[in-house]
PDB file of N, CA and C in Angstrom:
ATOM      1  N   MET A   1      83.984 106.447 101.755  1.00  0.00           N
ATOM      2  CA  MET A   1      84.705 106.419 100.307  1.00  0.00           C
ATOM      3  C   MET A   1      84.234 105.172  99.775  1.00  0.00           C
ATOM      4  N   THR A   2      83.696 105.480  98.862  1.00  0.00           N
ATOM      5  CA  THR A   2      83.188 104.140  97.967  1.00  0.00           C
ATOM      6  C   THR A   2      83.752 103.843  96.576  1.00  0.00           C
ATOM      7  N   TYR A   3      83.595 102.474  96.437  1.00  0.00           N
ATOM      8  CA  TYR A   3      84.707 102.236  95.161  1.00  0.00           C
ATOM      9  C   TYR A   3      83.593 101.476  94.106  1.00  0.00           C
ATOM     10  N   LYS A   4      83.862 101.807  93.102  1.00  0.00           N
ATOM     11  CA  LYS A   4      83.005 100.872  91.886  1.00  0.00           C
ATOM     12  C   LYS A   4      84.713 100.593  90.995  1.00  0.00           C
ATOM     13  N   MET A   5      84.739  99.062  90.575  1.00  0.00           N
ATOM     14  CA  MET A   5      85.610  98.944  89.494  1.00  0.00           C
ATOM     15  C   MET A   5      84.571  98.645  87.979  1.00  0.00           C
ATOM     16  N   ILE A   6      85.478  99.158  87.050  1.00  0.00           N
ATOM     17  CA  ILE A   6      84.765  98.984  85.763  1.00  0.00           C
ATOM     18  C   ILE A   6      85.976  98.953  84.881  1.00  0.00           C
ATOM     19  N   GLN A   7      85.638  98.452  83.724  1.00  0.00           N
ATOM     20  CA  GLN A   7      86.842  97.967  82.847  1.00  0.00           C
ATOM     21  C   GLN A   7      87.000  98.949  81.822  1.00  0.00           C
ATOM     22  N   ALA A   8      88.257  99.165  81.433  1.00  0.00           N
ATOM     23  CA  ALA A   8      88.440 100.012  80.306  1.00  0.00           C
ATOM     24  C   ALA A   8      89.769  99.560  79.449  1.00  0.00           C
ATOM     25  N   HIS A   9      89.736  99.982  78.289  1.00  0.00           N
ATOM     26  CA  HIS A   9      90.855  99.879  77.385  1.00  0.00           C
ATOM     27  C   HIS A   9      91.717 101.161  76.973  1.00  0.00           C
ATOM     28  N   TYR A  10      92.929 100.991  76.339  1.00  0.00           N
ATOM     29  CA  TYR A  10      94.060 101.830  75.855  1.00  0.00           C
ATOM     30  C   TYR A  10      93.595 101.599  74.401  1.00  0.00           C
ATOM     31  N   ASP A  11      93.451 102.779  73.703  1.00  0.00           N
ATOM     32  CA  ASP A  11      93.146 102.530  72.189  1.00  0.00           C
ATOM     33  C   ASP A  11      94.755 102.980  71.384  1.00  0.00           C
ATOM     34  N   GLY A  12      95.473 103.268  72.236  1.00  0.00           N
ATOM     35  CA  GLY A  12      96.756 103.619  71.467  1.00  0.00           C
ATOM     36  C   GLY A  12      96.903 105.163  71.735  1.00  0.00           C
ATOM     37  N   GLU A  13      95.994 105.927  71.829  1.00  0.00           N
ATOM     38  CA  GLU A  13      96.089 107.073  72.218  1.00  0.00           C
ATOM     39  C   GLU A  13      95.666 107.781  73.637  1.00  0.00           C
ATOM     40  N   LYS A  14      94.503 106.933  74.150  1.00  0.00           N
ATOM     41  CA  LYS A  14      93.905 107.272  75.350  1.00  0.00           C
ATOM     42  C   LYS A  14      93.057 106.376  76.010  1.00  0.00           C
ATOM     43  N   ILE A  15      93.056 106.456  77.365  1.00  0.00           N
ATOM     44  CA  ILE A  15      92.290 105.461  78.088  1.00  0.00           C
ATOM     45  C   ILE A  15      90.800 105.448  77.848  1.00  0.00           C
ATOM     46  N   CYS A  16      89.824 104.594  77.397  1.00  0.00           N
ATOM     47  CA  CYS A  16      88.643 104.469  77.093  1.00  0.00           C
ATOM     48  C   CYS A  16      87.813 103.960  78.180  1.00  0.00           C
ATOM     49  N   LEU A  17      86.908 104.245  78.861  1.00  0.00           N
ATOM     50  CA  LEU A  17      86.314 103.543  79.594  1.00  0.00           C
ATOM     51  C   LEU A  17      85.021 102.631  79.081  1.00  0.00           C
ATOM     52  N   ASP A  18      84.801 101.386  79.356  1.00  0.00           N
ATOM     53  CA  ASP A  18      83.933 100.498  78.665  1.00  0.00           C
ATOM     54  C   ASP A  18      82.562 100.508  79.192  1.00  0.00           C
ATOM     55  N   GLU A  19      82.273 101.137  79.852  1.00  0.00           N
ATOM     56  CA  GLU A  19      81.009 101.641  80.763  1.00  0.00           C
ATOM     57  C   GLU A  19      80.950 102.842  80.963  1.00  0.00           C
ATOM     58  N   PRO A  20      79.710 103.439  80.899  1.00  0.00           N
ATOM     59  CA  PRO A  20      79.296 104.877  81.056  1.00  0.00           C
ATOM     60  C   PRO A  20      79.638 105.043  82.875  1.00  0.00           C
ATOM     61  N   ILE A  21      80.020 106.006  83.220  1.00  0.00           N
ATOM     62  CA  ILE A  21      79.982 106.379  84.397  1.00  0.00           C
ATOM     63  C   ILE A  21      80.082 107.721  84.749  1.00  0.00           C
ATOM     64  N   GLU A  22      79.326 108.376  85.904  1.00  0.00           N
ATOM     65  CA  GLU A  22      79.472 109.677  86.303  1.00  0.00           C
ATOM     66  C   GLU A  22      80.732 109.999  87.188  1.00  0.00           C
ATOM     67  N   LEU A  23      81.461 110.937  86.753  1.00  0.00           N
ATOM     68  CA  LEU A  23      82.950 111.336  87.426  1.00  0.00           C
ATOM     69  C   LEU A  23      82.712 112.869  87.730  1.00  0.00           C
ATOM     70  N   LYS A  24      83.061 113.315  88.998  1.00  0.00           N
ATOM     71  CA  LYS A  24      82.965 114.363  89.645  1.00  0.00           C
ATOM     72  C   LYS A  24      84.448 115.108  89.271  1.00  0.00           C
ATOM     73  N   ARG A  25      84.722 116.588  89.195  1.00  0.00           N
ATOM     74  CA  ARG A  25      86.088 117.246  89.037  1.00  0.00           C
ATOM     75  C   ARG A  25      86.822 116.284  90.234  1.00  0.00           C
ATOM     76  N   ASN A  26      88.099 116.077  90.155  1.00  0.00           N
ATOM     77  CA  ASN A  26      89.008 115.777  91.047  1.00  0.00           C
ATOM     78  C   ASN A  26      88.837 114.272  91.907  1.00  0.00           C
ATOM     79  N   ASP A  27      87.625 113.559  91.327  1.00  0.00           N
ATOM     80  CA  ASP A  27      87.538 112.234  91.864  1.00  0.00           C
ATOM     81  C   ASP A  27      88.745 111.448  91.740  1.00  0.00           C
ATOM     82  N   LYS A  28      88.931 110.520  92.507  1.00  0.00           N
ATOM     83  CA  LYS A  28      90.414 109.943  92.614  1.00  0.00           C
ATOM     84  C   LYS A  28      90.070 108.655  92.028  1.00  0.00           C
ATOM     85  N   LEU A  29      91.078 108.011  91.130  1.00  0.00           N
ATOM     86  CA  LEU A  29      90.704 106.812  90.239  1.00  0.00           C
ATOM     87  C   LEU A  29      92.189 106.071  90.588  1.00  0.00           C
ATOM     88  N   PHE A  30      92.137 104.757  90.448  1.00  0.00           N
ATOM     89  CA  PHE A  30      93.124 103.687  90.697  1.00  0.00           C
ATOM     90  C   PHE A  30      93.073 102.907  89.058  1.00  0.00           C
ATOM     91  N   VAL A  31      94.306 102.926  88.591  1.00  0.00           N
ATOM     92  CA  VAL A  31      94.407 102.541  87.606  1.00  0.00           C
ATOM     93  C   VAL A  31      95.494 101.185  87.619  1.00  0.00           C
ATOM     94  N   THR A  32      94.980 100.142  87.233  1.00  0.00           N
ATOM     95  CA  THR A  32      95.554  98.734  86.971  1.00  0.00           C
ATOM     96  C   THR A  32      96.079  98.421  85.705  1.00  0.00           C
ATOM     97  N   VAL A  33      96.993  98.264  85.154  1.00  0.00           N
ATOM     98  CA  VAL A  33      97.211  97.878  83.794  1.00  0.00           C
ATOM     99  C   VAL A  33      97.425  96.176  83.555  1.00  0.00           C
ATOM    100  N   VAL A  34      96.928  95.664  82.980  1.00  0.00           N
ATOM    101  CA  VAL A  34      96.834  94.229  83.022  1.00  0.00           C
ATOM    102  C   VAL A  34      97.421  93.855  81.387  1.00  0.00           C
ATOM    103  N   SER A  35      98.557  93.580  81.162  1.00  0.00           N
ATOM    104  CA  SER A  35      98.878  93.151  79.787  1.00  0.00           C
ATOM    105  C   SER A  35      98.983  91.735  79.648  1.00  0.00           C
ATOM    106  N   ASP A  36      98.729  91.009  78.332  1.00  0.00           N
ATOM    107  CA  ASP A  36      99.039  89.789  77.921  1.00  0.00           C
ATOM    108  C   ASP A  36      98.221  88.889  79.234  1.00  0.00           C
ATOM    109  N   ILE A  37      96.911  89.223  79.429  1.00  0.00           N
ATOM    110  CA  ILE A  37      96.228  88.256  80.491  1.00  0.00           C
ATOM    111  C   ILE A  37      96.619  86.797  80.482  1.00  0.00           C
ATOM    112  N   GLU A  38      96.569  86.279  79.271  1.00  0.00           N
ATOM    113  CA  GLU A  38      96.646  84.813  79.217  1.00  0.00           C
ATOM    114  C   GLU A  38      98.044  84.364  79.499  1.00  0.00           C
ATOM    115  N   GLU A  39      98.727  85.068  79.849  1.00  0.00           N
ATOM    116  CA  GLU A  39     100.225  84.765  80.190  1.00  0.00           C
ATOM    117  C   GLU A  39     100.683  84.970  81.593  1.00  0.00           C
ATOM    118  N   GLN A  40      99.525  85.843  82.249  1.00  0.00           N
ATOM    119  CA  GLN A  40      99.746  85.811  83.653  1.00  0.00           C
ATOM    120  C   GLN A  40      99.448  85.002  84.398  1.00  0.00           C
ATOM    121  N   SER A  41     100.247  84.444  85.599  1.00  0.00           N
ATOM    122  CA  SER A  41     100.313  83.306  86.400  1.00  0.00           C
ATOM    123  C   SER A  41      99.003  83.562  87.447  1.00  0.00           C
ATOM    124  N   GLU A  42      98.610  82.631  87.896  1.00  0.00           N
ATOM    125  CA  GLU A  42      97.694  82.819  89.112  1.00  0.00           C
ATOM    126  C   GLU A  42      98.161  83.325  90.342  1.00  0.00           C
ATOM    127  N   ASP A  43      99.332  83.281  90.120  1.00  0.00           N
ATOM    128  CA  ASP A  43     100.242  83.762  91.428  1.00  0.00           C
ATOM    129  C   ASP A  43     100.186  85.550  91.662  1.00  0.00           C
ATOM    130  N   ASN A  44     100.064  85.898  90.350  1.00  0.00           N
ATOM    131  CA  ASN A  44     100.024  87.495  90.107  1.00  0.00           C
ATOM    132  C   ASN A  44      98.781  87.751  90.485  1.00  0.00           C
ATOM    133  N   PHE A  45      97.434  87.277  90.088  1.00  0.00           N
ATOM    134  CA  PHE A  45      96.146  87.467  90.685  1.00  0.00           C
ATOM    135  C   PHE A  45      96.054  87.396  91.712  1.00  0.00           C
ATOM    136  N   GLU A  46      96.656  86.268  92.745  1.00  0.00           N
ATOM    137  CA  GLU A  46      96.242  86.053  93.959  1.00  0.00           C
ATOM    138  C   GLU A  46      96.915  87.161  94.623  1.00  0.00           C
ATOM    139  N   ALA A  47      98.224  87.807  94.123  1.00  0.00           N
ATOM    140  CA  ALA A  47      98.596  88.791  94.719  1.00  0.00           C
ATOM    141  C   ALA A  47      98.395  90.297  94.815  1.00  0.00           C
ATOM    142  N   ILE A  48      97.544  90.589  93.667  1.00  0.00           N
ATOM    143  CA  ILE A  48      96.755  91.629  93.451  1.00  0.00           C
ATOM    144  C   ILE A  48      95.509  91.667  94.197  1.00  0.00           C
ATOM    145  N   SER A  49      94.731  90.566  94.459  1.00  0.00           N
ATOM    146  CA  SER A  49      93.574  90.231  95.207  1.00  0.00           C
ATOM    147  C   SER A  49      93.923  90.563  96.738  1.00  0.00           C
ATOM    148  N   LEU A  50      95.239  90.183  97.097  1.00  0.00           N
ATOM    149  CA  LEU A  50      95.269  90.184  98.504  1.00  0.00           C
ATOM    150  C   LEU A  50      95.536  91.448  98.904  1.00  0.00           C
ATOM    151  N   ALA A  51      96.525  92.232  97.816  1.00  0.00           N
ATOM    152  CA  ALA A  51      96.726  93.562  98.123  1.00  0.00           C
ATOM    153  C   ALA A  51      95.613  94.535  98.078  1.00  0.00           C
ATOM    154  N   GLY A  52      94.413  93.813  97.096  1.00  0.00           N
ATOM    155  CA  GLY A  52      93.192  94.935  97.469  1.00  0.00           C
ATOM    156  C   GLY A  52      92.643  94.619  98.596  1.00  0.00           C
ATOM    157  N   LEU A  53      92.496  93.339  99.195  1.00  0.00           N
ATOM    158  CA  LEU A  53      92.106  92.940 100.162  1.00  0.00           C
ATOM    159  C   LEU A  53      92.642  93.839 101.747  1.00  0.00           C
ATOM    160  N   SER A  54      93.793  93.668 101.467  1.00  0.00           N
ATOM    161  CA  SER A  54      94.547  94.245 102.476  1.00  0.00           C
ATOM    162  C   SER A  54      94.162  95.674 102.821  1.00  0.00           C
ATOM    163  N   LYS A  55      94.016  96.607 101.649  1.00  0.00           N
ATOM    164  CA  LYS A  55      93.319  98.082 101.654  1.00  0.00           C
ATOM    165  C   LYS A  55      91.813  98.017 102.051  1.00  0.00           C
ATOM    166  N   ALA A  56      91.213  97.065 101.952  1.00  0.00           N
ATOM    167  CA  ALA A  56      89.871  97.044 102.457  1.00  0.00           C
ATOM    168  C   ALA A  56      89.819  97.036 103.957  1.00  0.00           C
ATOM    169  N   TYR A  57      90.591  96.259 104.600  1.00  0.00           N
ATOM    170  CA  TYR A  57      90.603  96.234 106.016  1.00  0.00           C
ATOM    171  C   TYR A  57      91.439  96.877 106.742  1.00  0.00           C
ATOM    172  N   SER A  58      91.405  97.440 108.083  1.00  0.00           N
ATOM    173  CA  SER A  58      92.221  98.152 108.372  1.00  0.00           C
ATOM    174  C   SER A  58      92.943  97.172 109.472  1.00  0.00           C
ATOM    175  N   LYS A  59      94.412  97.766 109.954  1.00  0.00           N
ATOM    176  CA  LYS A  59      94.807  97.051 110.719  1.00  0.00           C
ATOM    177  C   LYS A  59      94.315  96.644 112.203  1.00  0.00           C
ATOM    178  N   ASP A  60      93.761  97.421 112.406  1.00  0.00           N
ATOM    179  CA  ASP A  60      92.877  97.214 114.226  1.00  0.00           C
ATOM    180  C   ASP A  60      91.400  96.693 113.788  1.00  0.00           C
ATOM    181  N   GLU A  61      91.184  95.926 112.560  1.00  0.00           N
ATOM    182  CA  GLU A  61      90.027  95.477 112.160  1.00  0.00           C
ATOM    183  C   GLU A  61      89.765  94.258 113.492  1.00  0.00           C
ATOM    184  N   PRO A  62      88.476  94.360 114.003  1.00  0.00           N
ATOM    185  CA  PRO A  62      88.186  93.620 115.017  1.00  0.00           C
ATOM    186  C   PRO A  62      87.939  91.885 114.466  1.00  0.00           C
ATOM    187  N   ASP A  63      88.421  91.269 115.409  1.00  0.00           N
ATOM    188  CA  ASP A  63      87.978  89.791 115.066  1.00  0.00           C
ATOM    189  C   ASP A  63      86.476  89.528 115.464  1.00  0.00           C
ATOM    190  N   TYR A  64      86.021  88.947 114.665  1.00  0.00           N
ATOM    191  CA  TYR A  64      84.726  88.421 114.747  1.00  0.00           C
ATOM    192  C   TYR A  64      84.556  87.149 114.934  1.00  0.00           C
ATOM    193  N   THR A  65      83.675  86.643 115.947  1.00  0.00           N
ATOM    194  CA  THR A  65      83.425  85.124 116.144  1.00  0.00           C
ATOM    195  C   THR A  65      82.079  84.893 115.933  1.00  0.00           C
ATOM    196  N   THR A  66      81.822  83.432 115.798  1.00  0.00           N
ATOM    197  CA  THR A  66      80.584  83.158 115.623  1.00  0.00           C
ATOM    198  C   THR A  66      79.356  83.589 116.357  1.00  0.00           C
ATOM    199  N   LEU A  67      79.943  84.218 117.562  1.00  0.00           N
ATOM    200  CA  LEU A  67      78.794  85.114 118.565  1.00  0.00           C
ATOM    201  C   LEU A  67      77.999  86.112 117.650  1.00  0.00           C
ATOM    202  N   HIS A  68      78.998  86.641 116.660  1.00  0.00           N
ATOM    203  CA  HIS A  68      78.538  87.778 116.079  1.00  0.00           C
ATOM    204  C   HIS A  68      77.574  87.822 115.130  1.00  0.00           C
ATOM    205  N   ILE A  69      77.502  86.610 114.537  1.00  0.00           N
ATOM    206  CA  ILE A  69      76.382  85.952 113.583  1.00  0.00           C
ATOM    207  C   ILE A  69      74.851  86.148 114.019  1.00  0.00           C
ATOM    208  N   ARG A  70      74.339  86.981 113.257  1.00  0.00           N
ATOM    209  CA  ARG A  70      72.887  86.962 113.427  1.00  0.00           C
ATOM    210  C   ARG A  70      72.276  85.762 112.939  1.00  0.00           C
ATOM    211  N   GLU A  71      72.366  85.475 111.764  1.00  0.00           N
ATOM    212  CA  GLU A  71      71.693  84.622 110.771  1.00  0.00           C
ATOM    213  C   GLU A  71      72.688  83.722 110.142  1.00  0.00           C
ATOM    214  N   PRO A  72      72.906  82.728 110.888  1.00  0.00           N
ATOM    215  CA  PRO A  72      74.032  81.639 109.979  1.00  0.00           C
ATOM    216  C   PRO A  72      73.362  81.493 108.608  1.00  0.00           C
ATOM    217  N   ASN A  73      74.267  81.095 107.719  1.00  0.00           N
ATOM    218  CA  ASN A  73      74.034  80.633 106.253  1.00  0.00           C
ATOM    219  C   ASN A  73      74.072  79.231 106.622  1.00  0.00           C
ATOM    220  N   SER A  74      72.665  78.552 106.244  1.00  0.00           N
ATOM    221  CA  SER A  74      72.655  76.825 106.598  1.00  0.00           C
ATOM    222  C   SER A  74      73.291  76.513 105.362  1.00  0.00           C
ATOM    223  N   GLU A  75      73.465  76.793 104.217  1.00  0.00           N
ATOM    224  CA  GLU A  75      74.320  76.139 103.104  1.00  0.00           C
ATOM    225  C   GLU A  75      75.818  76.299 103.066  1.00  0.00           C
ATOM    226  N   TYR A  76      76.319  77.117 104.139  1.00  0.00           N
ATOM    227  CA  TYR A  76      77.842  77.026 104.242  1.00  0.00           C
ATOM    228  C   TYR A  76      78.310  75.946 104.839  1.00  0.00           C
ATOM    229  N   ARG A  77      79.214  75.352 104.212  1.00  0.00           N
ATOM    230  CA  ARG A  77      80.075  74.299 104.565  1.00  0.00           C
ATOM    231  C   ARG A  77      81.808  74.664 104.557  1.00  0.00           C
ATOM    232  N   PRO A  78      82.481  74.856 105.772  1.00  0.00           N
ATOM    233  CA  PRO A  78      83.774  74.807 106.031  1.00  0.00           C
ATOM    234  C   PRO A  78      84.322  73.683 105.168  1.00  0.00           C
TER     235      PRO A  78
END
C-alpha cells in the first residue's frame, strides 16, 4: 500500500483538493480536519505525528542495530 499526503480545503459545500491527483474507483482515503491551526498546541501535532508513525511500523518490527548500517551518515551527530 502506498501513501501520498496532499492538502485540501472545504469551500463550504465540498472538499476541494489543492493539487491534482489521479484517483481510482474505491481508492481508500484518510481525512484529517485541522481547524484554527494557529490555536493548536504543539502537543496536538505531536500526538497526531506519533499516531501516524505507529501505523507506519508494525508491532513485530525488528530492532535494527548499528551492524545493519551499510553506509553510515558522516554528518549525523547524536
